[in-house]
Amino acid sequence: MSDPTGLRTADDRQTAPRTPPHAPQGRAARLRRWLPLGLIVAAMAVAIWQGWYRYLTLESLVAHETALKSTVSTHLAGALALYALIYIVVVALSLPGGLLLTLAGGLLFGWFLGGMVTVGAATIGATLVFLIARTSLGTALADRAGPRLNALREGFRQEAMSYLLFLRLVPVFPFWLVNIAPALLGVPLSTYVVGTIVGIVPGTFAFAFVGAGLDSVIEAQRASFEACLAAAAAKGASPDTACSLGIDASALVTPGLLAALVALGVLALVPIAAKKVLGRRSPR
């Protein structure tokens, strides 16, 4: 029964029936929450099933180098846009091939232009992964987090930039893992984007510089491949099994380069270590 005076007692409010939650709205919220993750997982499964990542190899780059350079020389803007789009998709779907694309960017566009476009595309792809992980997984994790996880999240957030720079600079942690972990630990979007840009610049430009110098390596490999074909033909052997055109990726990633990146990563943790040391020495 309505109360025209608007004066209802506490007993009346306690016994009044509560309005049930709107079920369609709850389903719509869950759909908005999980749909992006579902689409990414589905696209990733299709890419792996079709084997598209198999084209992202040094052998494929060497085999198509002449055609790729010809396309870049005649359609530079379109080639840059296509390169950036492919890089974004590879990062967003967490597919292998990021290092190869970085080398290809340096080879085709030069170390500076290739490095700049690579940093932008990698940041966009990583931010997409971060937003999807935070929306779908981060919210669920925060709702179910216990005291220990909350303490871990709070500690990571307090020193998010230093930790993120360390994870980005040291080439030990998978790129896809570093994209997802900050989202689960509550890192702000602005901190994530800035940390990603700053953290990937040294490694990106280093490998783009290596890629820019691949011309001589590719020419040497091509000459060796043609000599192998000639020798196989003279012996009557099958050239498909006797000869291969490619580059050993391990020869490009030198110990000196890895040591430099690790040193930069350690430097990123210096502020945290200094704060802890000074905090212990300061009077209570």
C-alpha atoms as a PDB file:
ATOM      1  CA  MET A   1       0.000   0.000   0.000  1.00  0.00           C
ATOM      2  CA  SER A   2       1.414   3.395  -0.979  1.00  0.00           C
ATOM      3  CA  ASP A   3       2.341   5.968   1.624  1.00  0.00           C
ATOM      4  CA  PRO A   4       1.276   9.424   0.381  1.00  0.00           C
ATOM      5  CA  THR A   5       3.016  11.132   3.261  1.00  0.00           C
ATOM      6  CA  GLY A   6       6.345   9.533   2.425  1.00  0.00           C
ATOM      7  CA  LEU A   7       6.789   8.615   6.101  1.00  0.00           C
ATOM      8  CA  ARG A   8       7.538   4.928   6.434  1.00  0.00           C
ATOM      9  CA  THR A   9       8.731   3.263   9.575  1.00  0.00           C
ATOM     10  CA  ALA A  10      11.866   1.163   9.801  1.00  0.00           C
ATOM     11  CA  ASP A  11       9.722  -1.982  10.119  1.00  0.00           C
ATOM     12  CA  ASP A  12       7.895  -1.052   6.929  1.00  0.00           C
ATOM     13  CA  ARG A  13      11.191  -0.589   5.074  1.00  0.00           C
ATOM     14  CA  GLN A  14      12.538  -3.895   6.351  1.00  0.00           C
ATOM     15  CA  THR A  15       9.445  -5.846   5.335  1.00  0.00           C
ATOM     16  CA  ALA A  16       9.051  -4.112   1.962  1.00  0.00           C
ATOM     17  CA  PRO A  17       9.941  -6.427  -0.937  1.00  0.00           C
ATOM     18  CA  ARG A  18      13.283  -5.708  -2.524  1.00  0.00           C
ATOM     19  CA  THR A  19      13.547  -5.123  -6.231  1.00  0.00           C
ATOM     20  CA  PRO A  20      15.324  -8.099  -7.800  1.00  0.00           C
ATOM     21  CA  PRO A  21      18.394  -7.346  -9.873  1.00  0.00           C
ATOM     22  CA  HIS A  22      17.777  -6.917 -13.559  1.00  0.00           C
ATOM     23  CA  ALA A  23      18.981 -10.189 -15.071  1.00  0.00           C
ATOM     24  CA  PRO A  24      19.397  -8.956 -18.674  1.00  0.00           C
ATOM     25  CA  GLN A  25      21.618  -6.114 -17.477  1.00  0.00           C
ATOM     26  CA  GLY A  26      23.786  -8.600 -15.555  1.00  0.00           C
ATOM     27  CA  ARG A  27      24.156 -10.774 -18.626  1.00  0.00           C
ATOM     28  CA  ALA A  28      25.026  -7.743 -20.757  1.00  0.00           C
ATOM     29  CA  ALA A  29      27.709  -6.682 -18.272  1.00  0.00           C
ATOM     30  CA  ARG A  30      29.240 -10.158 -18.272  1.00  0.00           C
ATOM     31  CA  LEU A  31      29.152 -10.195 -22.077  1.00  0.00           C
ATOM     32  CA  ARG A  32      30.965  -6.859 -22.281  1.00  0.00           C
ATOM     33  CA  ARG A  33      33.474  -8.153 -19.766  1.00  0.00           C
ATOM     34  CA  TRP A  34      34.348 -11.466 -21.406  1.00  0.00           C
ATOM     35  CA  LEU A  35      33.639 -10.821 -25.106  1.00  0.00           C
ATOM     36  CA  PRO A  36      36.978  -9.050 -25.879  1.00  0.00           C
ATOM     37  CA  LEU A  37      38.954 -11.878 -24.274  1.00  0.00           C
ATOM     38  CA  GLY A  38      36.901 -14.464 -26.147  1.00  0.00           C
ATOM     39  CA  LEU A  39      37.532 -12.708 -29.470  1.00  0.00           C
ATOM     40  CA  ILE A  40      41.275 -12.504 -28.833  1.00  0.00           C
ATOM     41  CA  VAL A  41      41.474 -16.185 -27.869  1.00  0.00           C
ATOM     42  CA  ALA A  42      39.428 -17.181 -30.936  1.00  0.00           C
ATOM     43  CA  ALA A  43      41.625 -15.097 -33.259  1.00  0.00           C
ATOM     44  CA  MET A  44      44.745 -16.559 -31.641  1.00  0.00           C
ATOM     45  CA  ALA A  45      43.431 -20.101 -32.156  1.00  0.00           C
ATOM     46  CA  VAL A  46      42.682 -19.394 -35.835  1.00  0.00           C
ATOM     47  CA  ALA A  47      46.136 -17.882 -36.399  1.00  0.00           C
ATOM     48  CA  ILE A  48      47.850 -20.890 -34.811  1.00  0.00           C
ATOM     49  CA  TRP A  49      45.588 -23.355 -36.620  1.00  0.00           C
ATOM     50  CA  GLN A  50      46.279 -21.731 -39.982  1.00  0.00           C
ATOM     51  CA  GLY A  51      49.993 -21.513 -39.216  1.00  0.00           C
ATOM     52  CA  TRP A  52      50.292 -17.826 -40.173  1.00  0.00           C
ATOM     53  CA  TYR A  53      53.135 -17.349 -37.718  1.00  0.00           C
ATOM     54  CA  ARG A  54      55.266 -19.711 -39.816  1.00  0.00           C
ATOM     55  CA  TYR A  55      55.770 -16.937 -42.353  1.00  0.00           C
ATOM     56  CA  LEU A  56      57.529 -14.852 -39.688  1.00  0.00           C
ATOM     57  CA  THR A  57      60.932 -16.503 -40.071  1.00  0.00           C
ATOM     58  CA  LEU A  58      64.379 -15.322 -41.080  1.00  0.00           C
ATOM     59  CA  GLU A  59      64.293 -17.751 -43.998  1.00  0.00           C
ATOM     60  CA  SER A  60      61.134 -16.110 -45.328  1.00  0.00           C
ATOM     61  CA  LEU A  61      62.638 -12.644 -44.865  1.00  0.00           C
ATOM     62  CA  VAL A  62      65.783 -13.618 -46.767  1.00  0.00           C
ATOM     63  CA  ALA A  63      63.800 -15.250 -49.564  1.00  0.00           C
ATOM     64  CA  HIS A  64      61.527 -12.208 -50.086  1.00  0.00           C
ATOM     65  CA  GLU A  65      63.983  -9.431 -49.302  1.00  0.00           C
ATOM     66  CA  THR A  66      64.215  -8.127 -52.877  1.00  0.00           C
ATOM     67  CA  ALA A  67      60.442  -8.022 -53.391  1.00  0.00           C
ATOM     68  CA  LEU A  68      59.867  -6.378 -50.015  1.00  0.00           C
ATOM     69  CA  LYS A  69      62.448  -3.674 -50.636  1.00  0.00           C
ATOM     70  CA  SER A  70      60.947  -2.975 -54.054  1.00  0.00           C
ATOM     71  CA  THR A  71      57.513  -2.504 -52.471  1.00  0.00           C
ATOM     72  CA  VAL A  72      58.921  -0.204 -49.803  1.00  0.00           C
ATOM     73  CA  SER A  73      60.718   1.955 -52.380  1.00  0.00           C
ATOM     74  CA  THR A  74      57.521   2.496 -54.397  1.00  0.00           C
ATOM     75  CA  HIS A  75      54.893   2.573 -51.601  1.00  0.00           C
ATOM     76  CA  LEU A  76      56.666   3.710 -48.449  1.00  0.00           C
ATOM     77  CA  ALA A  77      53.599   5.017 -46.581  1.00  0.00           C
ATOM     78  CA  GLY A  78      51.504   1.955 -47.368  1.00  0.00           C
ATOM     79  CA  ALA A  79      54.364  -0.382 -46.461  1.00  0.00           C
ATOM     80  CA  LEU A  80      54.844   1.370 -43.109  1.00  0.00           C
ATOM     81  CA  ALA A  81      51.113   1.180 -42.350  1.00  0.00           C
ATOM     82  CA  LEU A  82      50.969  -2.508 -43.260  1.00  0.00           C
ATOM     83  CA  TYR A  83      54.085  -3.256 -41.207  1.00  0.00           C
ATOM     84  CA  ALA A  84      52.622  -1.464 -38.181  1.00  0.00           C
ATOM     85  CA  LEU A  85      49.299  -3.295 -38.554  1.00  0.00           C
ATOM     86  CA  ILE A  86      50.998  -6.696 -38.758  1.00  0.00           C
ATOM     87  CA  TYR A  87      53.100  -5.861 -35.695  1.00  0.00           C
ATOM     88  CA  ILE A  88      50.027  -4.781 -33.708  1.00  0.00           C
ATOM     89  CA  VAL A  89      48.201  -8.012 -34.597  1.00  0.00           C
ATOM     90  CA  VAL A  90      51.210 -10.182 -33.718  1.00  0.00           C
ATOM     91  CA  VAL A  91      51.583  -8.514 -30.314  1.00  0.00           C
ATOM     92  CA  ALA A  92      47.843  -8.443 -29.585  1.00  0.00           C
ATOM     93  CA  LEU A  93      47.516 -12.150 -30.392  1.00  0.00           C
ATOM     94  CA  SER A  94      50.755 -12.988 -28.528  1.00  0.00           C
ATOM     95  CA  LEU A  95      52.155 -14.761 -31.587  1.00  0.00           C
ATOM     96  CA  PRO A  96      55.868 -15.530 -31.977  1.00  0.00           C
ATOM     97  CA  GLY A  97      57.696 -13.315 -34.446  1.00  0.00           C
ATOM     98  CA  GLY A  98      58.159  -9.970 -32.730  1.00  0.00           C
ATOM     99  CA  LEU A  99      61.960 -10.151 -32.925  1.00  0.00           C
ATOM    100  CA  LEU A 100      61.828 -11.079 -36.608  1.00  0.00           C
ATOM    101  CA  LEU A 101      59.507  -8.176 -37.355  1.00  0.00           C
ATOM    102  CA  THR A 102      61.806  -5.782 -35.512  1.00  0.00           C
ATOM    103  CA  LEU A 103      64.747  -6.978 -37.586  1.00  0.00           C
ATOM    104  CA  ALA A 104      62.649  -6.678 -40.745  1.00  0.00           C
ATOM    105  CA  GLY A 105      61.675  -3.125 -39.816  1.00  0.00           C
ATOM    106  CA  GLY A 106      65.324  -2.140 -39.534  1.00  0.00           C
ATOM    107  CA  LEU A 107      66.190  -3.913 -42.777  1.00  0.00           C
ATOM    108  CA  LEU A 108      63.358  -2.400 -44.833  1.00  0.00           C
ATOM    109  CA  PHE A 109      62.966   1.085 -43.342  1.00  0.00           C
ATOM    110  CA  GLY A 110      66.296   1.795 -41.664  1.00  0.00           C
ATOM    111  CA  TRP A 111      67.068   1.569 -37.968  1.00  0.00           C
ATOM    112  CA  PHE A 112      65.576   4.947 -36.987  1.00  0.00           C
ATOM    113  CA  LEU A 113      62.298   4.945 -38.939  1.00  0.00           C
ATOM    114  CA  GLY A 114      61.857   1.203 -38.435  1.00  0.00           C
ATOM    115  CA  GLY A 115      62.559   1.548 -34.720  1.00  0.00           C
ATOM    116  CA  MET A 116      60.093   4.420 -34.297  1.00  0.00           C
ATOM    117  CA  VAL A 117      57.258   2.588 -36.056  1.00  0.00           C
ATOM    118  CA  THR A 118      58.029  -0.600 -34.155  1.00  0.00           C
ATOM    119  CA  VAL A 119      57.894   1.154 -30.764  1.00  0.00           C
ATOM    120  CA  GLY A 120      54.526   2.705 -31.639  1.00  0.00           C
ATOM    121  CA  ALA A 121      53.019  -0.522 -32.993  1.00  0.00           C
ATOM    122  CA  ALA A 122      54.330  -2.643 -30.117  1.00  0.00           C
ATOM    123  CA  THR A 123      52.941  -0.184 -27.588  1.00  0.00           C
ATOM    124  CA  ILE A 124      49.503  -0.188 -29.238  1.00  0.00           C
ATOM    125  CA  GLY A 125      49.393  -3.985 -29.359  1.00  0.00           C
ATOM    126  CA  ALA A 126      50.597  -4.315 -25.765  1.00  0.00           C
ATOM    127  CA  THR A 127      48.042  -1.749 -24.566  1.00  0.00           C
ATOM    128  CA  LEU A 128      45.229  -3.693 -26.243  1.00  0.00           C
ATOM    129  CA  VAL A 129      46.317  -6.835 -24.395  1.00  0.00           C
ATOM    130  CA  PHE A 130      46.561  -4.875 -21.133  1.00  0.00           C
ATOM    131  CA  LEU A 131      43.059  -3.403 -21.459  1.00  0.00           C
ATOM    132  CA  ILE A 132      41.481  -6.747 -22.348  1.00  0.00           C
ATOM    133  CA  ALA A 133      43.276  -8.552 -19.522  1.00  0.00           C
ATOM    134  CA  ARG A 134      42.332  -5.854 -17.022  1.00  0.00           C
ATOM    135  CA  THR A 135      38.678  -5.871 -18.090  1.00  0.00           C
ATOM    136  CA  SER A 136      38.216  -9.641 -18.201  1.00  0.00           C
ATOM    137  CA  LEU A 137      40.746 -11.056 -15.755  1.00  0.00           C
ATOM    138  CA  GLY A 138      41.848  -8.169 -13.560  1.00  0.00           C
ATOM    139  CA  THR A 139      38.354  -7.432 -12.271  1.00  0.00           C
ATOM    140  CA  ALA A 140      37.688 -11.082 -11.450  1.00  0.00           C
ATOM    141  CA  LEU A 141      41.061 -11.393  -9.731  1.00  0.00           C
ATOM    142  CA  ALA A 142      40.472  -8.257  -7.673  1.00  0.00           C
ATOM    143  CA  ASP A 143      37.069  -9.553  -6.553  1.00  0.00           C
ATOM    144  CA  ARG A 144      38.579 -12.821  -5.333  1.00  0.00           C
ATOM    145  CA  ALA A 145      41.920 -11.513  -4.076  1.00  0.00           C
ATOM    146  CA  GLY A 146      42.991 -12.448  -0.584  1.00  0.00           C
ATOM    147  CA  PRO A 147      45.207 -10.478   1.806  1.00  0.00           C
ATOM    148  CA  ARG A 148      48.466 -11.753   0.299  1.00  0.00           C
ATOM    149  CA  LEU A 149      47.458 -10.951  -3.266  1.00  0.00           C
ATOM    150  CA  ASN A 150      46.185  -7.547  -2.211  1.00  0.00           C
ATOM    151  CA  ALA A 151      49.527  -6.855  -0.527  1.00  0.00           C
ATOM    152  CA  LEU A 152      51.353  -7.945  -3.706  1.00  0.00           C
ATOM    153  CA  ARG A 153      49.142  -5.730  -5.850  1.00  0.00           C
ATOM    154  CA  GLU A 154      49.669  -2.764  -3.542  1.00  0.00           C
ATOM    155  CA  GLY A 155      53.443  -3.241  -3.480  1.00  0.00           C
ATOM    156  CA  PHE A 156      53.633  -3.522  -7.243  1.00  0.00           C
ATOM    157  CA  ARG A 157      51.477  -0.420  -7.720  1.00  0.00           C
ATOM    158  CA  GLN A 158      53.696   1.655  -5.419  1.00  0.00           C
ATOM    159  CA  GLU A 159      56.788   0.917  -7.531  1.00  0.00           C
ATOM    160  CA  ALA A 160      55.002   0.115 -10.787  1.00  0.00           C
ATOM    161  CA  MET A 161      57.271   2.154 -13.070  1.00  0.00           C
ATOM    162  CA  SER A 162      60.523   0.637 -11.787  1.00  0.00           C
ATOM    163  CA  TYR A 163      59.191  -2.919 -11.871  1.00  0.00           C
ATOM    164  CA  LEU A 164      57.696  -2.414 -15.327  1.00  0.00           C
ATOM    165  CA  LEU A 165      60.923  -0.982 -16.714  1.00  0.00           C
ATOM    166  CA  PHE A 166      62.832  -3.955 -15.317  1.00  0.00           C
ATOM    167  CA  LEU A 167      60.434  -6.435 -16.906  1.00  0.00           C
ATOM    168  CA  ARG A 168      60.561  -4.608 -20.249  1.00  0.00           C
ATOM    169  CA  LEU A 169      64.312  -4.107 -20.382  1.00  0.00           C
ATOM    170  CA  VAL A 170      65.473  -7.565 -19.384  1.00  0.00           C
ATOM    171  CA  PRO A 171      64.914  -9.904 -22.377  1.00  0.00           C
ATOM    172  CA  VAL A 172      64.182 -12.908 -20.170  1.00  0.00           C
ATOM    173  CA  PHE A 173      60.454 -12.528 -19.601  1.00  0.00           C
ATOM    174  CA  PRO A 174      58.072 -13.267 -22.504  1.00  0.00           C
ATOM    175  CA  PHE A 175      56.581 -10.116 -24.008  1.00  0.00           C
ATOM    176  CA  TRP A 176      53.023 -11.437 -23.670  1.00  0.00           C
ATOM    177  CA  LEU A 177      53.519 -12.152 -19.963  1.00  0.00           C
ATOM    178  CA  VAL A 178      54.748  -8.625 -19.298  1.00  0.00           C
ATOM    179  CA  ASN A 179      51.658  -7.336 -21.133  1.00  0.00           C
ATOM    180  CA  ILE A 180      49.263  -9.268 -18.902  1.00  0.00           C
ATOM    181  CA  ALA A 181      50.906  -9.241 -15.454  1.00  0.00           C
ATOM    182  CA  PRO A 182      50.586  -5.460 -14.832  1.00  0.00           C
ATOM    183  CA  ALA A 183      46.882  -5.638 -15.683  1.00  0.00           C
ATOM    184  CA  LEU A 184      46.358  -8.304 -13.037  1.00  0.00           C
ATOM    185  CA  LEU A 185      48.373  -6.337 -10.481  1.00  0.00           C
ATOM    186  CA  GLY A 186      46.392  -3.124 -10.841  1.00  0.00           C
ATOM    187  CA  VAL A 187      48.932  -0.922 -12.655  1.00  0.00           C
ATOM    188  CA  PRO A 188      47.334   2.327 -13.933  1.00  0.00           C
ATOM    189  CA  LEU A 189      46.977   2.639 -17.703  1.00  0.00           C
ATOM    190  CA  SER A 190      49.094   5.796 -17.956  1.00  0.00           C
ATOM    191  CA  THR A 191      51.947   4.193 -16.000  1.00  0.00           C
ATOM    192  CA  TYR A 192      51.723   1.084 -18.162  1.00  0.00           C
ATOM    193  CA  VAL A 193      51.871   3.004 -21.452  1.00  0.00           C
ATOM    194  CA  VAL A 194      54.790   5.227 -20.391  1.00  0.00           C
ATOM    195  CA  GLY A 195      56.683   2.288 -18.890  1.00  0.00           C
ATOM    196  CA  THR A 196      56.140   0.230 -22.029  1.00  0.00           C
ATOM    197  CA  ILE A 197      57.380   2.963 -24.366  1.00  0.00           C
ATOM    198  CA  VAL A 198      60.460   3.750 -22.285  1.00  0.00           C
ATOM    199  CA  GLY A 199      61.179   0.101 -21.548  1.00  0.00           C
ATOM    200  CA  ILE A 200      61.092  -1.219 -25.113  1.00  0.00           C
ATOM    201  CA  VAL A 201      63.019   1.641 -26.749  1.00  0.00           C
ATOM    202  CA  PRO A 202      66.565   0.311 -26.036  1.00  0.00           C
ATOM    203  CA  GLY A 203      65.909  -3.246 -27.193  1.00  0.00           C
ATOM    204  CA  THR A 204      63.803  -2.181 -30.177  1.00  0.00           C
ATOM    205  CA  PHE A 205      66.379   0.213 -31.576  1.00  0.00           C
ATOM    206  CA  ALA A 206      69.197  -2.228 -30.854  1.00  0.00           C
ATOM    207  CA  PHE A 207      67.545  -4.985 -32.886  1.00  0.00           C
ATOM    208  CA  ALA A 208      66.404  -2.523 -35.560  1.00  0.00           C
ATOM    209  CA  PHE A 209      70.049  -1.469 -35.880  1.00  0.00           C
ATOM    210  CA  VAL A 210      71.028  -5.121 -36.240  1.00  0.00           C
ATOM    211  CA  GLY A 211      68.323  -5.525 -38.890  1.00  0.00           C
ATOM    212  CA  ALA A 212      69.601  -2.517 -40.811  1.00  0.00           C
ATOM    213  CA  GLY A 213      72.936  -4.306 -41.189  1.00  0.00           C
ATOM    214  CA  LEU A 214      71.477  -7.565 -42.463  1.00  0.00           C
ATOM    215  CA  ASP A 215      72.065  -6.679 -46.130  1.00  0.00           C
ATOM    216  CA  SER A 216      75.653  -7.926 -46.141  1.00  0.00           C
ATOM    217  CA  VAL A 217      74.703 -11.013 -44.137  1.00  0.00           C
ATOM    218  CA  ILE A 218      71.882 -11.835 -46.548  1.00  0.00           C
ATOM    219  CA  GLU A 219      74.139 -11.349 -49.576  1.00  0.00           C
ATOM    220  CA  ALA A 220      76.711 -13.701 -48.066  1.00  0.00           C
ATOM    221  CA  GLN A 221      74.040 -16.290 -47.303  1.00  0.00           C
ATOM    222  CA  ARG A 222      72.622 -15.996 -50.798  1.00  0.00           C
ATOM    223  CA  ALA A 223      76.061 -16.485 -52.351  1.00  0.00           C
ATOM    224  CA  SER A 224      76.643 -19.521 -50.128  1.00  0.00           C
ATOM    225  CA  PHE A 225      73.237 -20.895 -51.074  1.00  0.00           C
ATOM    226  CA  GLU A 226      73.919 -20.547 -54.814  1.00  0.00           C
ATOM    227  CA  ALA A 227      77.320 -22.203 -54.402  1.00  0.00           C
ATOM    228  CA  CYS A 228      75.640 -25.053 -52.525  1.00  0.00           C
ATOM    229  CA  LEU A 229      73.109 -25.476 -55.336  1.00  0.00           C
ATOM    230  CA  ALA A 230      75.881 -25.653 -57.904  1.00  0.00           C
ATOM    231  CA  ALA A 231      77.827 -28.202 -55.862  1.00  0.00           C
ATOM    232  CA  ALA A 232      74.691 -30.308 -55.308  1.00  0.00           C
ATOM    233  CA  ALA A 233      73.914 -30.279 -59.028  1.00  0.00           C
ATOM    234  CA  ALA A 234      77.468 -31.360 -59.845  1.00  0.00           C
ATOM    235  CA  LYS A 235      77.186 -34.291 -57.428  1.00  0.00           C
ATOM    236  CA  GLY A 236      73.666 -35.205 -58.538  1.00  0.00           C
ATOM    237  CA  ALA A 237      72.275 -34.624 -55.033  1.00  0.00           C
ATOM    238  CA  SER A 238      68.875 -33.149 -54.316  1.00  0.00           C
ATOM    239  CA  PRO A 239      69.221 -29.384 -53.683  1.00  0.00           C
ATOM    240  CA  ASP A 240      66.144 -29.369 -51.424  1.00  0.00           C
ATOM    241  CA  THR A 241      67.860 -31.502 -48.815  1.00  0.00           C
ATOM    242  CA  ALA A 242      71.445 -30.385 -49.342  1.00  0.00           C
ATOM    243  CA  CYS A 243      70.987 -26.594 -49.368  1.00  0.00           C
ATOM    244  CA  SER A 244      68.978 -24.078 -47.373  1.00  0.00           C
ATOM    245  CA  LEU A 245      68.770 -20.312 -47.496  1.00  0.00           C
ATOM    246  CA  GLY A 246      68.543 -18.755 -44.059  1.00  0.00           C
ATOM    247  CA  ILE A 247      70.258 -17.062 -41.151  1.00  0.00           C
ATOM    248  CA  ASP A 248      70.935 -18.411 -37.701  1.00  0.00           C
ATOM    249  CA  ALA A 249      69.001 -16.158 -35.327  1.00  0.00           C
ATOM    250  CA  SER A 250      71.331 -16.998 -32.445  1.00  0.00           C
ATOM    251  CA  ALA A 251      74.163 -15.281 -34.296  1.00  0.00           C
ATOM    252  CA  LEU A 252      72.259 -11.985 -34.266  1.00  0.00           C
ATOM    253  CA  VAL A 253      71.510 -11.899 -30.524  1.00  0.00           C
ATOM    254  CA  THR A 254      74.993 -11.393 -29.120  1.00  0.00           C
ATOM    255  CA  PRO A 255      75.939 -11.860 -25.458  1.00  0.00           C
ATOM    256  CA  GLY A 256      77.081  -8.238 -25.327  1.00  0.00           C
ATOM    257  CA  LEU A 257      73.646  -7.002 -26.399  1.00  0.00           C
ATOM    258  CA  LEU A 258      71.890  -9.163 -23.829  1.00  0.00           C
ATOM    259  CA  ALA A 259      74.287  -8.032 -21.104  1.00  0.00           C
ATOM    260  CA  ALA A 260      73.612  -4.383 -21.918  1.00  0.00           C
ATOM    261  CA  LEU A 261      69.843  -4.884 -21.683  1.00  0.00           C
ATOM    262  CA  VAL A 262      70.168  -6.772 -18.394  1.00  0.00           C
ATOM    263  CA  ALA A 263      72.320  -3.950 -17.009  1.00  0.00           C
ATOM    264  CA  LEU A 264      69.634  -1.425 -17.944  1.00  0.00           C
ATOM    265  CA  GLY A 265      67.025  -3.589 -16.241  1.00  0.00           C
ATOM    266  CA  VAL A 266      69.063  -3.746 -13.048  1.00  0.00           C
ATOM    267  CA  LEU A 267      69.413   0.044 -13.094  1.00  0.00           C
ATOM    268  CA  ALA A 268      65.619   0.317 -13.175  1.00  0.00           C
ATOM    269  CA  LEU A 269      65.493  -1.423  -9.788  1.00  0.00           C
ATOM    270  CA  VAL A 270      68.042   0.898  -8.149  1.00  0.00           C
ATOM    271  CA  PRO A 271      65.388   3.381  -6.909  1.00  0.00           C
ATOM    272  CA  ILE A 272      63.485   0.567  -5.183  1.00  0.00           C
ATOM    273  CA  ALA A 273      66.614  -0.806  -3.520  1.00  0.00           C
ATOM    274  CA  ALA A 274      67.690   2.692  -2.445  1.00  0.00           C
ATOM    275  CA  LYS A 275      64.284   3.418  -0.949  1.00  0.00           C
ATOM    276  CA  LYS A 276      64.357   0.179   1.054  1.00  0.00           C
ATOM    277  CA  VAL A 277      67.890   0.814   2.325  1.00  0.00           C
ATOM    278  CA  LEU A 278      67.155   4.400   3.298  1.00  0.00           C
ATOM    279  CA  GLY A 279      63.895   3.344   4.885  1.00  0.00           C
ATOM    280  CA  ARG A 280      65.702   0.892   7.167  1.00  0.00           C
ATOM    281  CA  ARG A 281      68.300   3.445   8.201  1.00  0.00           C
ATOM    282  CA  SER A 282      65.873   6.302   8.842  1.00  0.00           C
ATOM    283  CA  PRO A 283      64.762   6.776  12.492  1.00  0.00           C
ATOM    284  CA  ARG A 284      61.294   5.680  13.383  1.00  0.00           C
END
